[in-house]
C-alpha cells in the first residue's frame, strides 16, 4: 500500500523573512510515516517540519500551502491512501512584499485570503478504493466539528483532537469513519496512535 502523508505547519510569507504559521511540530505526521513504513508500506512524506524523516521514506520538503498542494497533486494519483496530518494555514497574504518590510510607528495592515482546501480537493477527486484521511483540531464541540468535516469533505476517516496535542508527544484523539462509531484513544503516545491508525486503514 502506498501512503501519502503530509506533516507540519505551512508557512505563508509576508516578506522574504517573515511568515504566518502555527505551532504544529509535525510529530503526528512523522509518527504515521514511521508506522506505515514499519508495517511494510511505501510512504511519501510531504512536510514543512525540520524533523528527521524516517528511513525508507520518500521525502518532499515544502514551505507554503501552495507548495504542499502542488506536491500532493503530483503524488495523489499514485497513492492508495492520503493522510493530511499537516496543519495547513487557512489564510495567506494577498500580496507578499519582495523586500523586508521596515518597522515604523504606524500600524501595519496585512490583508489575507483563503488558501486552497487541499483535503476537500482530494475528497472530491479520490478514485474508488482510494482512502482520504483528515484531522480536525477543535477547541469545542469536538465531535460535531469533526463529523461535519468528515461529511463535507467526503473523507473516509477523521481524527479529532484538541489544541492540547500541539507539539506534544502524548495525545488524546477520537477516530471516526462513516460506517463506524467513535473510537477514543486517550492519553496515548503519538507513535501508538499512529500504529492504530495505520492498522485501521489496512485492516
C-alpha atoms as a PDB file:
ATOM      1  CA  UNK A   1       0.000   0.000   0.000  1.00  0.00           C
ATOM      2  CA  UNK A   2       1.279   3.471  -0.865  1.00  0.00           C
ATOM      3  CA  UNK A   3       0.709   6.119   1.815  1.00  0.00           C
ATOM      4  CA  UNK A   4       0.933   9.825   1.011  1.00  0.00           C
ATOM      5  CA  UNK A   5       1.289  11.726   4.294  1.00  0.00           C
ATOM      6  CA  UNK A   6       1.565  15.461   4.994  1.00  0.00           C
ATOM      7  CA  UNK A   7       3.069  16.926   8.157  1.00  0.00           C
ATOM      8  CA  UNK A   8       3.918  20.202   9.884  1.00  0.00           C
ATOM      9  CA  UNK A   9       2.506  23.717   9.788  1.00  0.00           C
ATOM     10  CA  UNK A  10       2.673  25.575   6.489  1.00  0.00           C
ATOM     11  CA  UNK A  11       4.375  28.975   6.287  1.00  0.00           C
ATOM     12  CA  UNK A  12       2.679  31.847   4.479  1.00  0.00           C
ATOM     13  CA  UNK A  13       5.284  34.521   3.795  1.00  0.00           C
ATOM     14  CA  UNK A  14       4.578  38.231   4.302  1.00  0.00           C
ATOM     15  CA  UNK A  15       8.021  39.265   3.058  1.00  0.00           C
ATOM     16  CA  UNK A  16      11.289  37.369   2.433  1.00  0.00           C
ATOM     17  CA  UNK A  17      11.949  36.809   6.169  1.00  0.00           C
ATOM     18  CA  UNK A  18       8.564  36.887   7.937  1.00  0.00           C
ATOM     19  CA  UNK A  19       5.680  34.459   7.711  1.00  0.00           C
ATOM     20  CA  UNK A  20       2.351  33.449   9.253  1.00  0.00           C
ATOM     21  CA  UNK A  21       2.327  29.916  10.623  1.00  0.00           C
ATOM     22  CA  UNK A  22       1.161  27.811  13.561  1.00  0.00           C
ATOM     23  CA  UNK A  23       2.631  25.740  16.377  1.00  0.00           C
ATOM     24  CA  UNK A  24       2.390  22.351  14.672  1.00  0.00           C
ATOM     25  CA  UNK A  25       5.571  20.303  15.149  1.00  0.00           C
ATOM     26  CA  UNK A  26       4.856  17.648  12.524  1.00  0.00           C
ATOM     27  CA  UNK A  27       5.284  14.858  15.103  1.00  0.00           C
ATOM     28  CA  UNK A  28       1.983  13.147  14.286  1.00  0.00           C
ATOM     29  CA  UNK A  29       2.675  13.052  10.567  1.00  0.00           C
ATOM     30  CA  UNK A  30       6.170  11.682  11.144  1.00  0.00           C
ATOM     31  CA  UNK A  31       4.821   9.058  13.552  1.00  0.00           C
ATOM     32  CA  UNK A  32       2.349   7.981  10.867  1.00  0.00           C
ATOM     33  CA  UNK A  33       5.118   7.787   8.271  1.00  0.00           C
ATOM     34  CA  UNK A  34       7.221   5.644  10.614  1.00  0.00           C
ATOM     35  CA  UNK A  35       4.300   3.355  11.490  1.00  0.00           C
ATOM     36  CA  UNK A  36       3.369   2.821   7.851  1.00  0.00           C
ATOM     37  CA  UNK A  37       6.979   2.119   6.896  1.00  0.00           C
ATOM     38  CA  UNK A  38       7.446  -0.363   9.741  1.00  0.00           C
ATOM     39  CA  UNK A  39       4.261  -2.127   8.617  1.00  0.00           C
ATOM     40  CA  UNK A  40       5.883  -2.679   5.224  1.00  0.00           C
ATOM     41  CA  UNK A  41       4.115   0.031   3.231  1.00  0.00           C
ATOM     42  CA  UNK A  42       5.552   2.559   0.789  1.00  0.00           C
ATOM     43  CA  UNK A  43       5.468   6.120   2.150  1.00  0.00           C
ATOM     44  CA  UNK A  44       5.787   9.542   0.567  1.00  0.00           C
ATOM     45  CA  UNK A  45       6.079  12.248   3.232  1.00  0.00           C
ATOM     46  CA  UNK A  46       5.371  15.879   2.306  1.00  0.00           C
ATOM     47  CA  UNK A  47       6.459  18.095   5.167  1.00  0.00           C
ATOM     48  CA  UNK A  48       7.323  21.585   6.346  1.00  0.00           C
ATOM     49  CA  UNK A  49       8.930  20.264   9.539  1.00  0.00           C
ATOM     50  CA  UNK A  50      12.638  20.237  10.349  1.00  0.00           C
ATOM     51  CA  UNK A  51      12.327  16.796  11.974  1.00  0.00           C
ATOM     52  CA  UNK A  52      14.470  13.994  10.583  1.00  0.00           C
ATOM     53  CA  UNK A  53      12.271  11.841   8.316  1.00  0.00           C
ATOM     54  CA  UNK A  54      12.193   8.073   8.883  1.00  0.00           C
ATOM     55  CA  UNK A  55      14.427   5.902   6.734  1.00  0.00           C
ATOM     56  CA  UNK A  56      12.980   4.351   3.565  1.00  0.00           C
ATOM     57  CA  UNK A  57      10.567   7.268   3.175  1.00  0.00           C
ATOM     58  CA  UNK A  58      10.333   9.359   0.012  1.00  0.00           C
ATOM     59  CA  UNK A  59      10.630  12.867   1.467  1.00  0.00           C
ATOM     60  CA  UNK A  60       9.376  16.074  -0.144  1.00  0.00           C
ATOM     61  CA  UNK A  61      10.156  19.316   1.672  1.00  0.00           C
ATOM     62  CA  UNK A  62       7.793  22.281   1.262  1.00  0.00           C
ATOM     63  CA  UNK A  63       7.034  25.587   2.973  1.00  0.00           C
ATOM     64  CA  UNK A  64       3.744  27.137   1.906  1.00  0.00           C
ATOM     65  CA  UNK A  65       0.239  25.784   1.348  1.00  0.00           C
ATOM     66  CA  UNK A  66       0.640  26.316  -2.397  1.00  0.00           C
ATOM     67  CA  UNK A  67       3.824  24.241  -2.385  1.00  0.00           C
ATOM     68  CA  UNK A  68       2.168  21.497  -0.345  1.00  0.00           C
ATOM     69  CA  UNK A  69      -0.830  21.485  -2.675  1.00  0.00           C
ATOM     70  CA  UNK A  70       1.439  21.146  -5.713  1.00  0.00           C
ATOM     71  CA  UNK A  71       3.286  18.238  -4.087  1.00  0.00           C
ATOM     72  CA  UNK A  72       0.039  16.498  -3.104  1.00  0.00           C
ATOM     73  CA  UNK A  73      -1.356  16.893  -6.636  1.00  0.00           C
ATOM     74  CA  UNK A  74       1.828  15.396  -8.084  1.00  0.00           C
ATOM     75  CA  UNK A  75       1.625  12.232  -5.956  1.00  0.00           C
ATOM     76  CA  UNK A  76      -2.094  11.848  -5.258  1.00  0.00           C
ATOM     77  CA  UNK A  77      -2.961   9.697  -8.268  1.00  0.00           C
ATOM     78  CA  UNK A  78      -0.196   7.229  -7.365  1.00  0.00           C
ATOM     79  CA  UNK A  79      -1.146   6.744  -3.710  1.00  0.00           C
ATOM     80  CA  UNK A  80      -3.638   4.362  -2.132  1.00  0.00           C
ATOM     81  CA  UNK A  81      -4.157   6.490   0.980  1.00  0.00           C
ATOM     82  CA  UNK A  82      -3.689  10.199   1.644  1.00  0.00           C
ATOM     83  CA  UNK A  83      -3.372  11.237   5.294  1.00  0.00           C
ATOM     84  CA  UNK A  84      -3.482  15.015   5.683  1.00  0.00           C
ATOM     85  CA  UNK A  85      -1.840  15.354   9.096  1.00  0.00           C
ATOM     86  CA  UNK A  86      -0.355  18.757   8.261  1.00  0.00           C
ATOM     87  CA  UNK A  87      -1.713  21.888   9.908  1.00  0.00           C
ATOM     88  CA  UNK A  88      -2.366  23.784   6.697  1.00  0.00           C
ATOM     89  CA  UNK A  89      -2.830  27.537   7.051  1.00  0.00           C
ATOM     90  CA  UNK A  90      -6.391  28.735   6.452  1.00  0.00           C
ATOM     91  CA  UNK A  91      -5.238  32.114   5.138  1.00  0.00           C
ATOM     92  CA  UNK A  92      -2.311  33.571   3.230  1.00  0.00           C
ATOM     93  CA  UNK A  93      -1.339  37.194   2.480  1.00  0.00           C
ATOM     94  CA  UNK A  94      -2.960  38.596  -0.668  1.00  0.00           C
ATOM     95  CA  UNK A  95       0.387  40.143  -1.566  1.00  0.00           C
ATOM     96  CA  UNK A  96       3.923  39.262  -0.498  1.00  0.00           C
ATOM     97  CA  UNK A  97       6.438  42.098  -0.238  1.00  0.00           C
ATOM     98  CA  UNK A  98       9.529  41.467  -2.365  1.00  0.00           C
ATOM     99  CA  UNK A  99      11.690  43.244   0.214  1.00  0.00           C
ATOM    100  CA  UNK A 100      11.755  43.196   4.015  1.00  0.00           C
ATOM    101  CA  UNK A 101       9.018  45.405   5.465  1.00  0.00           C
ATOM    102  CA  UNK A 102      10.642  48.157   7.521  1.00  0.00           C
ATOM    103  CA  UNK A 103       9.434  48.859  11.044  1.00  0.00           C
ATOM    104  CA  UNK A 104       7.629  52.160  11.563  1.00  0.00           C
ATOM    105  CA  UNK A 105       5.445  53.864  14.148  1.00  0.00           C
ATOM    106  CA  UNK A 106       2.325  53.246  12.056  1.00  0.00           C
ATOM    107  CA  UNK A 107       0.038  50.245  12.285  1.00  0.00           C
ATOM    108  CA  UNK A 108       0.616  47.570   9.669  1.00  0.00           C
ATOM    109  CA  UNK A 109      -2.403  46.027   7.960  1.00  0.00           C
ATOM    110  CA  UNK A 110      -1.928  42.657   6.275  1.00  0.00           C
ATOM    111  CA  UNK A 111      -4.751  41.525   4.017  1.00  0.00           C
ATOM    112  CA  UNK A 112      -5.366  37.798   3.874  1.00  0.00           C
ATOM    113  CA  UNK A 113      -7.198  35.475   1.503  1.00  0.00           C
ATOM    114  CA  UNK A 114      -8.273  31.837   1.983  1.00  0.00           C
ATOM    115  CA  UNK A 115      -5.796  29.154   0.995  1.00  0.00           C
ATOM    116  CA  UNK A 116      -6.653  26.162  -1.173  1.00  0.00           C
ATOM    117  CA  UNK A 117      -8.504  23.463   0.756  1.00  0.00           C
ATOM    118  CA  UNK A 118      -6.242  20.525  -0.120  1.00  0.00           C
ATOM    119  CA  UNK A 119      -8.289  17.986   1.832  1.00  0.00           C
ATOM    120  CA  UNK A 120     -11.524  18.984   0.123  1.00  0.00           C
ATOM    121  CA  UNK A 121      -9.805  18.854  -3.267  1.00  0.00           C
ATOM    122  CA  UNK A 122      -8.626  15.298  -2.572  1.00  0.00           C
ATOM    123  CA  UNK A 123     -12.008  14.178  -1.232  1.00  0.00           C
ATOM    124  CA  UNK A 124     -13.695  15.290  -4.436  1.00  0.00           C
ATOM    125  CA  UNK A 125     -11.170  13.589  -6.700  1.00  0.00           C
ATOM    126  CA  UNK A 126     -10.434  10.304  -4.947  1.00  0.00           C
ATOM    127  CA  UNK A 127     -10.973   7.218  -7.042  1.00  0.00           C
ATOM    128  CA  UNK A 128     -12.786   4.071  -5.971  1.00  0.00           C
ATOM    129  CA  UNK A 129     -10.884   2.243  -3.218  1.00  0.00           C
ATOM    130  CA  UNK A 130      -8.632   5.275  -2.616  1.00  0.00           C
ATOM    131  CA  UNK A 131      -8.651   6.447   1.019  1.00  0.00           C
ATOM    132  CA  UNK A 132      -8.535  10.069   2.194  1.00  0.00           C
ATOM    133  CA  UNK A 133      -7.984  10.830   5.880  1.00  0.00           C
ATOM    134  CA  UNK A 134      -8.189  14.176   7.626  1.00  0.00           C
ATOM    135  CA  UNK A 135      -7.524  15.661  11.054  1.00  0.00           C
ATOM    136  CA  UNK A 136      -9.854  18.048  12.880  1.00  0.00           C
ATOM    137  CA  UNK A 137      -8.450  20.200  15.677  1.00  0.00           C
ATOM    138  CA  UNK A 138     -11.359  21.639  17.645  1.00  0.00           C
ATOM    139  CA  UNK A 139     -11.427  23.596  20.913  1.00  0.00           C
ATOM    140  CA  UNK A 140     -15.142  22.958  21.492  1.00  0.00           C
ATOM    141  CA  UNK A 141     -17.857  20.616  20.172  1.00  0.00           C
ATOM    142  CA  UNK A 142     -15.050  18.342  19.011  1.00  0.00           C
ATOM    143  CA  UNK A 143     -17.137  15.516  17.600  1.00  0.00           C
ATOM    144  CA  UNK A 144     -19.679  17.823  15.978  1.00  0.00           C
ATOM    145  CA  UNK A 145     -16.999  19.758  14.122  1.00  0.00           C
ATOM    146  CA  UNK A 146     -15.149  16.624  13.100  1.00  0.00           C
ATOM    147  CA  UNK A 147     -18.254  14.854  11.804  1.00  0.00           C
ATOM    148  CA  UNK A 148     -19.133  17.913   9.744  1.00  0.00           C
ATOM    149  CA  UNK A 149     -15.663  17.873   8.196  1.00  0.00           C
ATOM    150  CA  UNK A 150     -15.878  14.116   7.555  1.00  0.00           C
ATOM    151  CA  UNK A 151     -19.101  14.549   5.579  1.00  0.00           C
ATOM    152  CA  UNK A 152     -18.493  17.854   3.795  1.00  0.00           C
ATOM    153  CA  UNK A 153     -15.034  16.847   2.535  1.00  0.00           C
ATOM    154  CA  UNK A 154     -16.040  13.300   1.578  1.00  0.00           C
ATOM    155  CA  UNK A 155     -13.461  11.656   3.827  1.00  0.00           C
ATOM    156  CA  UNK A 156     -13.006   8.023   4.757  1.00  0.00           C
ATOM    157  CA  UNK A 157     -11.688   8.787   8.238  1.00  0.00           C
ATOM    158  CA  UNK A 158     -11.392  11.795  10.537  1.00  0.00           C
ATOM    159  CA  UNK A 159      -9.092  12.027  13.564  1.00  0.00           C
ATOM    160  CA  UNK A 160     -10.368  14.624  16.037  1.00  0.00           C
ATOM    161  CA  UNK A 161      -8.217  16.256  18.679  1.00  0.00           C
ATOM    162  CA  UNK A 162      -7.837  19.474  20.692  1.00  0.00           C
ATOM    163  CA  UNK A 163      -5.138  22.194  20.932  1.00  0.00           C
ATOM    164  CA  UNK A 164      -3.564  20.242  23.816  1.00  0.00           C
ATOM    165  CA  UNK A 165      -1.938  17.870  21.298  1.00  0.00           C
ATOM    166  CA  UNK A 166       0.111  20.587  19.593  1.00  0.00           C
ATOM    167  CA  UNK A 167       3.866  19.979  19.866  1.00  0.00           C
ATOM    168  CA  UNK A 168       3.308  17.169  22.373  1.00  0.00           C
ATOM    169  CA  UNK A 169       4.445  13.542  22.276  1.00  0.00           C
ATOM    170  CA  UNK A 170       1.239  12.455  24.018  1.00  0.00           C
ATOM    171  CA  UNK A 171      -2.259  12.997  22.661  1.00  0.00           C
ATOM    172  CA  UNK A 172      -5.902  12.136  23.140  1.00  0.00           C
ATOM    173  CA  UNK A 173      -7.687  11.559  19.855  1.00  0.00           C
ATOM    174  CA  UNK A 174     -11.046  10.330  18.661  1.00  0.00           C
ATOM    175  CA  UNK A 175     -11.389   8.476  15.358  1.00  0.00           C
ATOM    176  CA  UNK A 176     -14.491   8.267  13.169  1.00  0.00           C
ATOM    177  CA  UNK A 177     -15.313   6.622   9.863  1.00  0.00           C
ATOM    178  CA  UNK A 178     -18.651   6.968   8.034  1.00  0.00           C
ATOM    179  CA  UNK A 179     -19.765   3.453   8.959  1.00  0.00           C
ATOM    180  CA  UNK A 180     -18.308   3.061  12.460  1.00  0.00           C
ATOM    181  CA  UNK A 181     -18.870   4.569  15.892  1.00  0.00           C
ATOM    182  CA  UNK A 182     -16.345   6.864  17.514  1.00  0.00           C
ATOM    183  CA  UNK A 183     -13.142   5.229  18.768  1.00  0.00           C
ATOM    184  CA  UNK A 184     -11.401   7.089  21.582  1.00  0.00           C
ATOM    185  CA  UNK A 185      -7.670   6.800  22.301  1.00  0.00           C
ATOM    186  CA  UNK A 186      -6.993   8.805  25.480  1.00  0.00           C
ATOM    187  CA  UNK A 187      -3.545   9.946  26.624  1.00  0.00           C
ATOM    188  CA  UNK A 188      -1.503   7.782  24.298  1.00  0.00           C
ATOM    189  CA  UNK A 189       1.880   8.325  22.685  1.00  0.00           C
ATOM    190  CA  UNK A 190       1.597   9.655  19.152  1.00  0.00           C
ATOM    191  CA  UNK A 191       3.637   6.674  17.971  1.00  0.00           C
ATOM    192  CA  UNK A 192       0.996   4.314  19.410  1.00  0.00           C
ATOM    193  CA  UNK A 193      -1.843   6.356  17.918  1.00  0.00           C
ATOM    194  CA  UNK A 194      -0.092   6.263  14.533  1.00  0.00           C
ATOM    195  CA  UNK A 195       0.197   2.473  14.652  1.00  0.00           C
ATOM    196  CA  UNK A 196      -3.511   2.190  15.478  1.00  0.00           C
ATOM    197  CA  UNK A 197      -4.487   4.478  12.585  1.00  0.00           C
ATOM    198  CA  UNK A 198      -2.370   2.507  10.121  1.00  0.00           C
ATOM    199  CA  UNK A 199      -3.856  -0.748  11.443  1.00  0.00           C
ATOM    200  CA  UNK A 200      -7.404   0.586  10.973  1.00  0.00           C
ATOM    201  CA  UNK A 201      -6.647   1.718   7.433  1.00  0.00           C
ATOM    202  CA  UNK A 202      -5.084  -1.571   6.375  1.00  0.00           C
ATOM    203  CA  UNK A 203      -7.339  -3.993   8.269  1.00  0.00           C
END
